[in-house]
Amino acid sequence: MKFTQYFLYTRNRPDRTFIKDKWIQNAVDSPIRTKIQKDGRIQKWIYVKEVDKYLRVILLSDGVTVHNAFFDRSFQE
């Protein structure tokens, strides 16, 4: 996976340090929902059973580079 510098910086936040690479890869490969933002970035969500939360991953418009990943408290299936 490719990451932006922003992602690498924010990944050190206490609420994000335990987000696993495999969860991010699962969101990229097999999301339950995908949305394209007006700026071309791509949002993808998965449900992570291990923590009982939804993970949102934001990719750059290239569809490959991870820009952000966080647990989305407002997501509704």
C-alpha atoms as a PDB file:
ATOM      1  CA  MET A   1       0.000   0.000   0.000  1.00  0.00           C
ATOM      2  CA  LYS A   2       1.010   3.568  -0.620  1.00  0.00           C
ATOM      3  CA  PHE A   3       0.389   6.263   1.995  1.00  0.00           C
ATOM      4  CA  THR A   4       0.393  10.062   2.041  1.00  0.00           C
ATOM      5  CA  GLN A   5       2.567  11.891   4.552  1.00  0.00           C
ATOM      6  CA  TYR A   6      -0.653  13.111   6.176  1.00  0.00           C
ATOM      7  CA  PHE A   7      -1.756   9.529   6.795  1.00  0.00           C
ATOM      8  CA  LEU A   8       1.616   8.553   8.255  1.00  0.00           C
ATOM      9  CA  TYR A   9       1.444  11.553  10.601  1.00  0.00           C
ATOM     10  CA  THR A  10      -2.157  11.039  11.773  1.00  0.00           C
ATOM     11  CA  ARG A  11      -1.653   7.314  12.210  1.00  0.00           C
ATOM     12  CA  ASN A  12       0.332   8.104  15.365  1.00  0.00           C
ATOM     13  CA  ARG A  13      -2.734   9.545  17.098  1.00  0.00           C
ATOM     14  CA  PRO A  14      -3.822   7.425  20.084  1.00  0.00           C
ATOM     15  CA  ASP A  15      -7.249   6.719  18.552  1.00  0.00           C
ATOM     16  CA  ARG A  16      -5.665   5.388  15.338  1.00  0.00           C
ATOM     17  CA  THR A  17      -2.547   3.488  16.366  1.00  0.00           C
ATOM     18  CA  PHE A  18      -4.346   0.140  16.551  1.00  0.00           C
ATOM     19  CA  ILE A  19      -5.883   0.321  13.051  1.00  0.00           C
ATOM     20  CA  LYS A  20      -4.370  -2.664  11.283  1.00  0.00           C
ATOM     21  CA  ASP A  21      -3.005  -2.608   7.743  1.00  0.00           C
ATOM     22  CA  LYS A  22      -5.104  -5.669   6.886  1.00  0.00           C
ATOM     23  CA  TRP A  23      -8.281  -3.754   7.786  1.00  0.00           C
ATOM     24  CA  ILE A  24      -7.239  -0.896   5.520  1.00  0.00           C
ATOM     25  CA  GLN A  25      -6.459  -3.324   2.706  1.00  0.00           C
ATOM     26  CA  ASN A  26      -9.847  -5.023   3.200  1.00  0.00           C
ATOM     27  CA  ALA A  27     -11.575  -1.656   2.874  1.00  0.00           C
ATOM     28  CA  VAL A  28      -9.698  -0.930  -0.342  1.00  0.00           C
ATOM     29  CA  ASP A  29     -10.390  -4.383  -1.815  1.00  0.00           C
ATOM     30  CA  SER A  30     -13.895  -5.212  -0.544  1.00  0.00           C
ATOM     31  CA  PRO A  31     -15.775  -2.195   0.802  1.00  0.00           C
ATOM     32  CA  ILE A  32     -19.401  -2.363   1.890  1.00  0.00           C
ATOM     33  CA  ARG A  33     -19.849   1.162   0.499  1.00  0.00           C
ATOM     34  CA  THR A  34     -17.848   3.451  -1.774  1.00  0.00           C
ATOM     35  CA  LYS A  35     -18.344   7.168  -2.354  1.00  0.00           C
ATOM     36  CA  ILE A  36     -16.406   9.590  -4.547  1.00  0.00           C
ATOM     37  CA  GLN A  37     -15.918  13.054  -3.076  1.00  0.00           C
ATOM     38  CA  LYS A  38     -16.196  16.225  -5.157  1.00  0.00           C
ATOM     39  CA  ASP A  39     -12.403  16.567  -5.066  1.00  0.00           C
ATOM     40  CA  GLY A  40     -12.009  13.078  -6.565  1.00  0.00           C
ATOM     41  CA  ARG A  41     -10.908  11.316  -3.398  1.00  0.00           C
ATOM     42  CA  ILE A  42     -12.545   7.964  -2.744  1.00  0.00           C
ATOM     43  CA  GLN A  43     -14.177   6.958   0.538  1.00  0.00           C
ATOM     44  CA  LYS A  44     -14.554   3.269   1.378  1.00  0.00           C
ATOM     45  CA  TRP A  45     -16.067   1.610   4.429  1.00  0.00           C
ATOM     46  CA  ILE A  46     -15.867  -1.822   6.030  1.00  0.00           C
ATOM     47  CA  TYR A  47     -17.194  -3.280   9.241  1.00  0.00           C
ATOM     48  CA  VAL A  48     -14.451  -4.562  11.553  1.00  0.00           C
ATOM     49  CA  LYS A  49     -15.857  -7.340  13.757  1.00  0.00           C
ATOM     50  CA  GLU A  50     -12.869  -7.400  16.098  1.00  0.00           C
ATOM     51  CA  VAL A  51     -13.667  -3.903  17.377  1.00  0.00           C
ATOM     52  CA  ASP A  52     -17.377  -3.705  16.433  1.00  0.00           C
ATOM     53  CA  LYS A  53     -16.861  -0.497  14.441  1.00  0.00           C
ATOM     54  CA  TYR A  54     -16.968   0.809  10.886  1.00  0.00           C
ATOM     55  CA  LEU A  55     -13.672   1.866   9.362  1.00  0.00           C
ATOM     56  CA  ARG A  56     -13.585   4.614   6.743  1.00  0.00           C
ATOM     57  CA  VAL A  57     -10.584   4.723   4.434  1.00  0.00           C
ATOM     58  CA  ILE A  58     -10.009   7.694   2.164  1.00  0.00           C
ATOM     59  CA  LEU A  59      -7.912   7.196  -0.947  1.00  0.00           C
ATOM     60  CA  LEU A  60      -6.504   9.795  -3.283  1.00  0.00           C
ATOM     61  CA  SER A  61      -8.117   9.982  -6.713  1.00  0.00           C
ATOM     62  CA  ASP A  62      -5.562   7.444  -7.991  1.00  0.00           C
ATOM     63  CA  GLY A  63      -7.550   4.809  -6.072  1.00  0.00           C
ATOM     64  CA  VAL A  64      -4.388   3.400  -4.503  1.00  0.00           C
ATOM     65  CA  THR A  65      -2.813   5.894  -2.099  1.00  0.00           C
ATOM     66  CA  VAL A  66      -4.282   5.913   1.418  1.00  0.00           C
ATOM     67  CA  HIS A  67      -4.825   9.457   2.678  1.00  0.00           C
ATOM     68  CA  ASN A  68      -6.786   8.761   5.869  1.00  0.00           C
ATOM     69  CA  ALA A  69      -8.278   5.913   7.894  1.00  0.00           C
ATOM     70  CA  PHE A  70     -10.440   6.208  10.977  1.00  0.00           C
ATOM     71  CA  PHE A  71     -13.390   4.646  12.759  1.00  0.00           C
ATOM     72  CA  ASP A  72     -16.554   6.341  11.537  1.00  0.00           C
ATOM     73  CA  ARG A  73     -18.987   6.782  14.431  1.00  0.00           C
ATOM     74  CA  SER A  74     -21.712   8.250  12.213  1.00  0.00           C
ATOM     75  CA  PHE A  75     -21.759   5.560   9.494  1.00  0.00           C
ATOM     76  CA  GLN A  76     -25.092   3.827   8.947  1.00  0.00           C
ATOM     77  CA  GLU A  77     -25.495   0.833   6.680  1.00  0.00           C
END
